Amino acid sequence: MSHDTRHRHIMNGGTIEDASNDTLLLLEAKLALTNKGLHDFPEMPFALPPIELLLVNLQLATEFDYDTD
């Protein structure tokens, strides 16, 4: 799985760190199907949220950041 993700990222100009994070996100998604997660395996690192999700949250925070008075 990690080799496929790494190959796809390198072919698209991505970094190895992005590929590693995407692999962790894929593992997390597959583990969720069995009601498990990376937290159930203490030796495994955690994945960072995808940048798209962070940007959406930043946009939402900006939208809600106004003076209600």
N, C-alpha and C. Protein backbone atom coordinates (compact mmCIF):
# COMPACT_ATOMS: atom_id res chain seq x y z
N MET A 1 0.83 -1.18 0.00
CA MET A 1 0.00 0.00 0.00
C MET A 1 0.88 1.25 0.00
N SER A 2 1.91 1.27 0.84
CA SER A 2 2.76 2.46 0.91
C SER A 2 3.55 2.67 -0.37
N HIS A 3 3.95 1.58 -1.03
CA HIS A 3 4.68 1.72 -2.29
C HIS A 3 3.79 2.32 -3.37
N ASP A 4 2.54 1.89 -3.43
CA ASP A 4 1.61 2.44 -4.42
C ASP A 4 1.36 3.92 -4.16
N THR A 5 1.15 4.27 -2.90
CA THR A 5 0.90 5.66 -2.56
C THR A 5 2.11 6.52 -2.85
N ARG A 6 3.30 6.03 -2.51
CA ARG A 6 4.53 6.77 -2.77
C ARG A 6 4.72 7.00 -4.27
N HIS A 7 4.50 5.94 -5.05
CA HIS A 7 4.66 6.05 -6.50
C HIS A 7 3.69 7.09 -7.07
N ARG A 8 2.45 7.05 -6.63
CA ARG A 8 1.43 7.98 -7.13
C ARG A 8 1.80 9.43 -6.77
N HIS A 9 2.30 9.64 -5.55
CA HIS A 9 2.66 10.99 -5.14
C HIS A 9 3.88 11.50 -5.91
N ILE A 10 4.88 10.67 -6.09
CA ILE A 10 6.09 11.10 -6.79
C ILE A 10 5.77 11.40 -8.24
N MET A 11 4.90 10.59 -8.86
CA MET A 11 4.53 10.84 -10.25
C MET A 11 3.76 12.16 -10.39
N ASN A 12 3.07 12.58 -9.34
CA ASN A 12 2.29 13.82 -9.37
C ASN A 12 3.02 14.98 -8.71
N GLY A 13 4.30 14.83 -8.46
CA GLY A 13 5.10 15.91 -7.89
C GLY A 13 4.97 16.08 -6.39
N GLY A 14 4.42 15.09 -5.70
CA GLY A 14 4.27 15.17 -4.25
C GLY A 14 5.52 14.75 -3.53
N THR A 15 5.46 14.78 -2.22
CA THR A 15 6.61 14.42 -1.40
C THR A 15 6.40 13.05 -0.76
N ILE A 16 7.48 12.49 -0.27
CA ILE A 16 7.41 11.20 0.42
C ILE A 16 6.63 11.35 1.72
N GLU A 17 6.74 12.51 2.38
CA GLU A 17 6.00 12.76 3.62
C GLU A 17 4.50 12.75 3.34
N ASP A 18 4.08 13.36 2.23
CA ASP A 18 2.66 13.35 1.86
C ASP A 18 2.20 11.92 1.59
N ALA A 19 3.04 11.14 0.93
CA ALA A 19 2.69 9.76 0.62
C ALA A 19 2.56 8.95 1.91
N SER A 20 3.47 9.16 2.85
CA SER A 20 3.40 8.44 4.12
C SER A 20 2.13 8.80 4.88
N ASN A 21 1.79 10.07 4.89
CA ASN A 21 0.58 10.51 5.58
C ASN A 21 -0.67 9.93 4.92
N ASP A 22 -0.69 9.93 3.59
CA ASP A 22 -1.85 9.36 2.89
C ASP A 22 -1.99 7.87 3.16
N THR A 23 -0.87 7.17 3.27
CA THR A 23 -0.91 5.75 3.61
C THR A 23 -1.52 5.56 4.99
N LEU A 24 -1.12 6.40 5.95
CA LEU A 24 -1.70 6.32 7.29
C LEU A 24 -3.19 6.63 7.28
N LEU A 25 -3.60 7.59 6.46
CA LEU A 25 -5.03 7.90 6.34
C LEU A 25 -5.81 6.73 5.76
N LEU A 26 -5.23 6.05 4.77
CA LEU A 26 -5.88 4.86 4.20
C LEU A 26 -5.98 3.75 5.22
N LEU A 27 -4.92 3.54 5.99
CA LEU A 27 -4.96 2.51 7.04
C LEU A 27 -6.02 2.85 8.08
N GLU A 28 -6.09 4.11 8.46
CA GLU A 28 -7.09 4.54 9.44
C GLU A 28 -8.50 4.26 8.93
N ALA A 29 -8.73 4.55 7.64
CA ALA A 29 -10.05 4.31 7.05
C ALA A 29 -10.38 2.82 7.03
N LYS A 30 -9.42 1.99 6.68
CA LYS A 30 -9.66 0.55 6.65
C LYS A 30 -9.87 -0.01 8.06
N LEU A 31 -9.10 0.49 9.02
CA LEU A 31 -9.27 0.04 10.40
C LEU A 31 -10.63 0.46 10.95
N ALA A 32 -11.13 1.61 10.52
CA ALA A 32 -12.42 2.10 11.00
C ALA A 32 -13.55 1.14 10.62
N LEU A 33 -13.37 0.40 9.54
CA LEU A 33 -14.39 -0.57 9.13
C LEU A 33 -14.53 -1.70 10.14
N THR A 34 -13.50 -1.90 10.95
CA THR A 34 -13.54 -2.94 11.99
C THR A 34 -13.61 -2.35 13.39
N ASN A 35 -14.04 -1.08 13.45
CA ASN A 35 -14.14 -0.36 14.73
C ASN A 35 -12.80 -0.27 15.45
N LYS A 36 -11.75 -0.15 14.69
CA LYS A 36 -10.40 0.02 15.23
C LYS A 36 -9.82 1.30 14.66
N GLY A 37 -8.65 1.68 15.12
CA GLY A 37 -7.96 2.85 14.60
C GLY A 37 -6.48 2.73 14.88
N LEU A 38 -5.72 3.67 14.38
CA LEU A 38 -4.27 3.65 14.62
C LEU A 38 -3.95 3.77 16.10
N HIS A 39 -4.86 4.38 16.86
CA HIS A 39 -4.66 4.50 18.31
C HIS A 39 -4.64 3.14 19.01
N ASP A 40 -5.17 2.11 18.35
CA ASP A 40 -5.15 0.76 18.93
C ASP A 40 -3.79 0.09 18.78
N PHE A 41 -2.89 0.72 18.04
CA PHE A 41 -1.56 0.19 17.79
C PHE A 41 -0.55 1.26 18.20
N PRO A 42 -0.13 1.25 19.48
CA PRO A 42 0.70 2.34 20.01
C PRO A 42 2.00 2.60 19.24
N GLU A 43 2.52 1.61 18.57
CA GLU A 43 3.77 1.80 17.84
C GLU A 43 3.58 2.51 16.50
N MET A 44 2.32 2.67 16.08
CA MET A 44 2.04 3.32 14.80
C MET A 44 1.92 4.84 14.99
N PRO A 45 2.46 5.60 14.05
CA PRO A 45 2.27 7.06 14.12
C PRO A 45 0.85 7.43 13.71
N PHE A 46 0.44 8.62 14.08
CA PHE A 46 -0.88 9.12 13.68
C PHE A 46 -0.76 9.91 12.39
N ALA A 47 -1.82 9.90 11.61
CA ALA A 47 -1.87 10.66 10.37
C ALA A 47 -2.30 12.09 10.67
N LEU A 48 -1.78 13.01 9.89
CA LEU A 48 -2.23 14.39 9.95
C LEU A 48 -3.47 14.52 9.09
N PRO A 49 -4.39 15.41 9.44
CA PRO A 49 -5.58 15.57 8.59
C PRO A 49 -5.18 16.12 7.22
N PRO A 50 -5.92 15.75 6.20
CA PRO A 50 -5.60 16.27 4.85
C PRO A 50 -5.67 17.79 4.83
N ILE A 51 -4.81 18.41 4.05
CA ILE A 51 -4.74 19.87 3.99
C ILE A 51 -6.08 20.47 3.55
N GLU A 52 -6.81 19.75 2.70
CA GLU A 52 -8.11 20.25 2.25
C GLU A 52 -9.06 20.42 3.44
N LEU A 53 -9.00 19.49 4.36
CA LEU A 53 -9.86 19.57 5.55
C LEU A 53 -9.45 20.75 6.42
N LEU A 54 -8.16 20.97 6.55
CA LEU A 54 -7.69 22.10 7.34
C LEU A 54 -8.11 23.42 6.72
N LEU A 55 -8.05 23.51 5.40
CA LEU A 55 -8.45 24.74 4.72
C LEU A 55 -9.94 25.00 4.87
N VAL A 56 -10.75 23.96 4.82
CA VAL A 56 -12.20 24.12 5.02
C VAL A 56 -12.46 24.61 6.43
N ASN A 57 -11.79 24.02 7.41
CA ASN A 57 -11.98 24.45 8.79
C ASN A 57 -11.53 25.89 9.00
N LEU A 58 -10.46 26.29 8.34
CA LEU A 58 -9.99 27.67 8.43
C LEU A 58 -11.01 28.62 7.82
N GLN A 59 -11.59 28.24 6.70
CA GLN A 59 -12.61 29.07 6.07
C GLN A 59 -13.84 29.18 6.96
N LEU A 60 -14.25 28.07 7.56
CA LEU A 60 -15.40 28.11 8.48
C LEU A 60 -15.11 29.00 9.68
N ALA A 61 -13.92 28.88 10.22
CA ALA A 61 -13.55 29.70 11.37
C ALA A 61 -13.59 31.18 11.00
N THR A 62 -13.14 31.50 9.81
CA THR A 62 -13.17 32.89 9.35
C THR A 62 -14.61 33.37 9.19
N GLU A 63 -15.47 32.53 8.66
CA GLU A 63 -16.88 32.90 8.47
C GLU A 63 -17.58 33.18 9.79
N PHE A 64 -17.22 32.40 10.82
CA PHE A 64 -17.87 32.56 12.13
C PHE A 64 -17.19 33.59 13.01
N ASP A 65 -16.09 34.14 12.57
CA ASP A 65 -15.33 35.10 13.36
C ASP A 65 -15.82 36.52 13.06
N TYR A 66 -16.95 36.87 13.63
CA TYR A 66 -17.49 38.22 13.44
C TYR A 66 -18.09 38.68 14.75
N ASP A 67 -18.23 39.95 14.88
CA ASP A 67 -18.77 40.54 16.11
C ASP A 67 -20.29 40.41 16.11
N THR A 68 -20.83 39.67 17.05
CA THR A 68 -22.27 39.44 17.10
C THR A 68 -23.02 40.56 17.81
N ASP A 69 -22.27 41.45 18.45
CA ASP A 69 -22.93 42.57 19.16
C ASP A 69 -23.31 43.58 18.18
